[in-house]
Each structure stands twice: as C-alpha cells, then as structure tokens.
C-alpha cells in the first residue's frame, strides 16, 4: 500500500472513481444529513434532531460543559497527532 502523496497521486493510488465517491458522499452528508432540521439544537454542532439521546439531556449544565470541553480537547489532540 502506498503512503503519503503516492497514495493520492502515484501509480498505485486510489482510483479516480473512488476519490469522486468519497467527495460525493461527504457532500451528501453535508447537504442532507448533518444539519439542524428541527431547530432543537442545544449547541453548535448538535445534529441529534430529536432522534439520538444517550442520556445527554439528563446531565446538569456543568457536566455538559465539562464533557464538551473534554471532547473539544480530544479533537485538538487528534489533530496534533495527525501532524
């Protein structure tokens, strides 16, 4: 398996149809799935739309703020790990 730039542009890279499929799938998610259609969002990035609730509404405001901060820090650590 090629890595780095060769995975995208080399002779053994991902086929063009595969790259287009990824782009169109992400576009589909952005346009039709990942949006607040009900207006019930509690915070920016809350795309539950009244369907998924794994106990989030049972937490008090301090716990919610703490969990959002932890998730944000985990995302930042993941971005640093990619670098």
C-alpha atoms as a PDB file:
ATOM      1  CA  UNK A   1       0.000   0.000   0.000  1.00  0.00           C
ATOM      2  CA  UNK A   2       1.403   3.396  -0.898  1.00  0.00           C
ATOM      3  CA  UNK A   3       1.542   6.110   1.701  1.00  0.00           C
ATOM      4  CA  UNK A   4       1.803   9.880   1.719  1.00  0.00           C
ATOM      5  CA  UNK A   5       1.493  11.691  -1.589  1.00  0.00           C
ATOM      6  CA  UNK A   6       1.868   8.428  -3.525  1.00  0.00           C
ATOM      7  CA  UNK A   7      -1.445   7.225  -2.070  1.00  0.00           C
ATOM      8  CA  UNK A   8      -3.209  10.092  -3.822  1.00  0.00           C
ATOM      9  CA  UNK A   9      -1.222  10.668  -6.999  1.00  0.00           C
ATOM     10  CA  UNK A  10       1.117   7.706  -7.544  1.00  0.00           C
ATOM     11  CA  UNK A  11       0.727   4.769  -9.919  1.00  0.00           C
ATOM     12  CA  UNK A  12      -0.961   2.647  -7.206  1.00  0.00           C
ATOM     13  CA  UNK A  13      -3.119   5.498  -5.899  1.00  0.00           C
ATOM     14  CA  UNK A  14      -6.835   5.491  -5.158  1.00  0.00           C
ATOM     15  CA  UNK A  15      -8.757   5.300  -8.472  1.00  0.00           C
ATOM     16  CA  UNK A  16     -10.478   8.485  -9.649  1.00  0.00           C
ATOM     17  CA  UNK A  17     -13.908   6.887  -9.228  1.00  0.00           C
ATOM     18  CA  UNK A  18     -13.053   6.119  -5.603  1.00  0.00           C
ATOM     19  CA  UNK A  19     -11.973   9.704  -4.950  1.00  0.00           C
ATOM     20  CA  UNK A  20     -15.181  11.005  -6.539  1.00  0.00           C
ATOM     21  CA  UNK A  21     -17.257   8.605  -4.449  1.00  0.00           C
ATOM     22  CA  UNK A  22     -15.644   9.958  -1.267  1.00  0.00           C
ATOM     23  CA  UNK A  23     -16.256  13.578  -2.337  1.00  0.00           C
ATOM     24  CA  UNK A  24     -19.897  12.950  -3.258  1.00  0.00           C
ATOM     25  CA  UNK A  25     -20.548  11.027  -0.033  1.00  0.00           C
ATOM     26  CA  UNK A  26     -19.144  13.886   2.059  1.00  0.00           C
ATOM     27  CA  UNK A  27     -21.197  16.355   0.013  1.00  0.00           C
ATOM     28  CA  UNK A  28     -24.335  14.281   0.612  1.00  0.00           C
ATOM     29  CA  UNK A  29     -23.695  14.240   4.354  1.00  0.00           C
ATOM     30  CA  UNK A  30     -23.096  17.998   4.445  1.00  0.00           C
ATOM     31  CA  UNK A  31     -26.197  18.866   2.419  1.00  0.00           C
ATOM     32  CA  UNK A  32     -28.772  16.379   3.700  1.00  0.00           C
ATOM     33  CA  UNK A  33     -27.726  14.716   6.947  1.00  0.00           C
ATOM     34  CA  UNK A  34     -25.544  16.996   9.078  1.00  0.00           C
ATOM     35  CA  UNK A  35     -27.907  19.915   9.578  1.00  0.00           C
ATOM     36  CA  UNK A  36     -30.342  21.007  12.241  1.00  0.00           C
ATOM     37  CA  UNK A  37     -33.728  20.354  10.668  1.00  0.00           C
ATOM     38  CA  UNK A  38     -35.858  20.556  13.817  1.00  0.00           C
ATOM     39  CA  UNK A  39     -34.383  23.654  15.478  1.00  0.00           C
ATOM     40  CA  UNK A  40     -33.884  21.732  18.737  1.00  0.00           C
ATOM     41  CA  UNK A  41     -30.108  22.051  18.875  1.00  0.00           C
ATOM     42  CA  UNK A  42     -28.647  22.770  22.313  1.00  0.00           C
ATOM     43  CA  UNK A  43     -25.291  23.999  20.998  1.00  0.00           C
ATOM     44  CA  UNK A  44     -23.369  24.467  17.775  1.00  0.00           C
ATOM     45  CA  UNK A  45     -22.725  21.067  16.206  1.00  0.00           C
ATOM     46  CA  UNK A  46     -25.689  19.337  17.876  1.00  0.00           C
ATOM     47  CA  UNK A  47     -27.185  17.325  14.999  1.00  0.00           C
ATOM     48  CA  UNK A  48     -29.294  14.878  17.028  1.00  0.00           C
ATOM     49  CA  UNK A  49     -32.529  16.328  15.592  1.00  0.00           C
ATOM     50  CA  UNK A  50     -34.541  14.790  18.422  1.00  0.00           C
ATOM     51  CA  UNK A  51     -33.562  11.227  17.452  1.00  0.00           C
ATOM     52  CA  UNK A  52     -30.423  10.232  19.349  1.00  0.00           C
ATOM     53  CA  UNK A  53     -30.229  10.765  23.079  1.00  0.00           C
ATOM     54  CA  UNK A  54     -27.715   8.742  25.021  1.00  0.00           C
ATOM     55  CA  UNK A  55     -28.547  10.474  28.303  1.00  0.00           C
ATOM     56  CA  UNK A  56     -27.234  13.900  27.318  1.00  0.00           C
ATOM     57  CA  UNK A  57     -30.401  15.657  28.484  1.00  0.00           C
ATOM     58  CA  UNK A  58     -30.060  14.096  31.943  1.00  0.00           C
ATOM     59  CA  UNK A  59     -26.763  15.875  32.706  1.00  0.00           C
ATOM     60  CA  UNK A  60     -26.667  19.183  34.553  1.00  0.00           C
ATOM     61  CA  UNK A  61     -25.220  22.233  32.781  1.00  0.00           C
ATOM     62  CA  UNK A  62     -21.829  21.985  34.500  1.00  0.00           C
ATOM     63  CA  UNK A  63     -21.392  18.346  33.420  1.00  0.00           C
ATOM     64  CA  UNK A  64     -22.455  19.172  29.849  1.00  0.00           C
ATOM     65  CA  UNK A  65     -19.912  21.996  29.689  1.00  0.00           C
ATOM     66  CA  UNK A  66     -17.195  19.721  31.073  1.00  0.00           C
ATOM     67  CA  UNK A  67     -17.985  16.938  28.581  1.00  0.00           C
ATOM     68  CA  UNK A  68     -17.976  19.367  25.647  1.00  0.00           C
ATOM     69  CA  UNK A  69     -14.588  20.717  26.779  1.00  0.00           C
ATOM     70  CA  UNK A  70     -13.199  17.180  27.046  1.00  0.00           C
ATOM     71  CA  UNK A  71     -14.473  16.328  23.552  1.00  0.00           C
ATOM     72  CA  UNK A  72     -13.000  19.534  22.135  1.00  0.00           C
ATOM     73  CA  UNK A  73      -9.616  18.780  23.725  1.00  0.00           C
ATOM     74  CA  UNK A  74      -9.702  15.209  22.381  1.00  0.00           C
ATOM     75  CA  UNK A  75     -10.334  16.593  18.895  1.00  0.00           C
ATOM     76  CA  UNK A  76      -7.421  19.003  19.253  1.00  0.00           C
ATOM     77  CA  UNK A  77      -5.160  16.164  20.426  1.00  0.00           C
ATOM     78  CA  UNK A  78      -6.221  14.075  17.413  1.00  0.00           C
ATOM     79  CA  UNK A  79      -5.395  16.949  15.060  1.00  0.00           C
ATOM     80  CA  UNK A  80      -1.958  17.284  16.654  1.00  0.00           C
ATOM     81  CA  UNK A  81      -1.470  13.532  16.314  1.00  0.00           C
ATOM     82  CA  UNK A  82      -2.080  13.788  12.579  1.00  0.00           C
ATOM     83  CA  UNK A  83       0.676  16.361  12.259  1.00  0.00           C
END
